[in-house]
Amino acid sequence: MTTAAAVAAPAASRARTGGPKDDGPQLFEHIMGWVLVVVFAMLVTRAGLF
């Protein structure tokens, strides 16, 4: 077995750790993203930076 084959073998057997094809709570993540934007905008305006 070559070094390249020894390194590539464990990579093929790894479990997926996430990515764009994973199904998940997309609506919840979208809403929480907008909540984060609004909270950040409130902090910026309260601090007088804008």
Protein backbone atom coordinates (compact mmCIF):
# COMPACT_ATOMS: atom_id res chain seq x y z
CA MET A 1 0.00 0.00 0.00
CA THR A 2 1.39 3.38 -0.94
CA THR A 3 1.35 6.40 1.30
CA ALA A 4 -1.26 8.12 -0.86
CA ALA A 5 -3.56 5.10 -0.68
CA ALA A 6 -3.10 4.84 3.08
CA VAL A 7 -4.07 8.50 3.51
CA ALA A 8 -7.03 8.34 1.10
CA ALA A 9 -8.58 5.19 2.59
CA PRO A 10 -9.70 6.75 5.93
CA ALA A 11 -11.03 9.82 4.13
CA ALA A 12 -13.44 7.71 2.08
CA SER A 13 -14.90 6.05 5.17
CA ARG A 14 -15.52 9.25 7.15
CA ALA A 15 -19.02 10.33 7.98
CA ARG A 16 -20.36 13.52 6.51
CA THR A 17 -19.95 16.48 8.83
CA GLY A 18 -22.25 18.93 7.12
CA GLY A 19 -22.50 20.91 3.97
CA PRO A 20 -24.99 22.35 1.53
CA LYS A 21 -26.70 19.02 0.79
CA ASP A 22 -27.67 18.32 4.40
CA ASP A 23 -31.34 18.65 5.20
CA GLY A 24 -32.17 20.69 8.23
CA PRO A 25 -34.38 23.37 9.69
CA GLN A 26 -33.84 25.82 6.85
CA LEU A 27 -36.74 28.12 7.79
CA PHE A 28 -35.52 28.35 11.39
CA GLU A 29 -31.98 29.17 10.26
CA HIS A 30 -33.29 31.81 7.87
CA ILE A 31 -35.37 33.47 10.58
CA MET A 32 -32.53 33.35 13.10
CA GLY A 33 -30.21 34.93 10.54
CA TRP A 34 -32.56 37.87 10.12
CA VAL A 35 -32.97 38.17 13.89
CA LEU A 36 -29.18 38.42 14.14
CA VAL A 37 -29.13 41.15 11.50
CA VAL A 38 -31.83 43.14 13.31
CA VAL A 39 -30.12 42.80 16.70
CA PHE A 40 -26.81 43.90 15.20
CA ALA A 41 -28.49 46.90 13.56
CA MET A 42 -30.10 47.87 16.89
CA LEU A 43 -26.73 47.65 18.67
CA VAL A 44 -25.05 49.77 16.01
CA THR A 45 -27.71 52.47 16.14
CA ARG A 46 -27.82 52.48 19.97
CA ALA A 47 -24.03 52.90 20.06
CA GLY A 48 -24.32 55.90 17.72
CA LEU A 49 -22.15 54.36 15.03
CA PHE A 50 -24.70 55.01 12.31
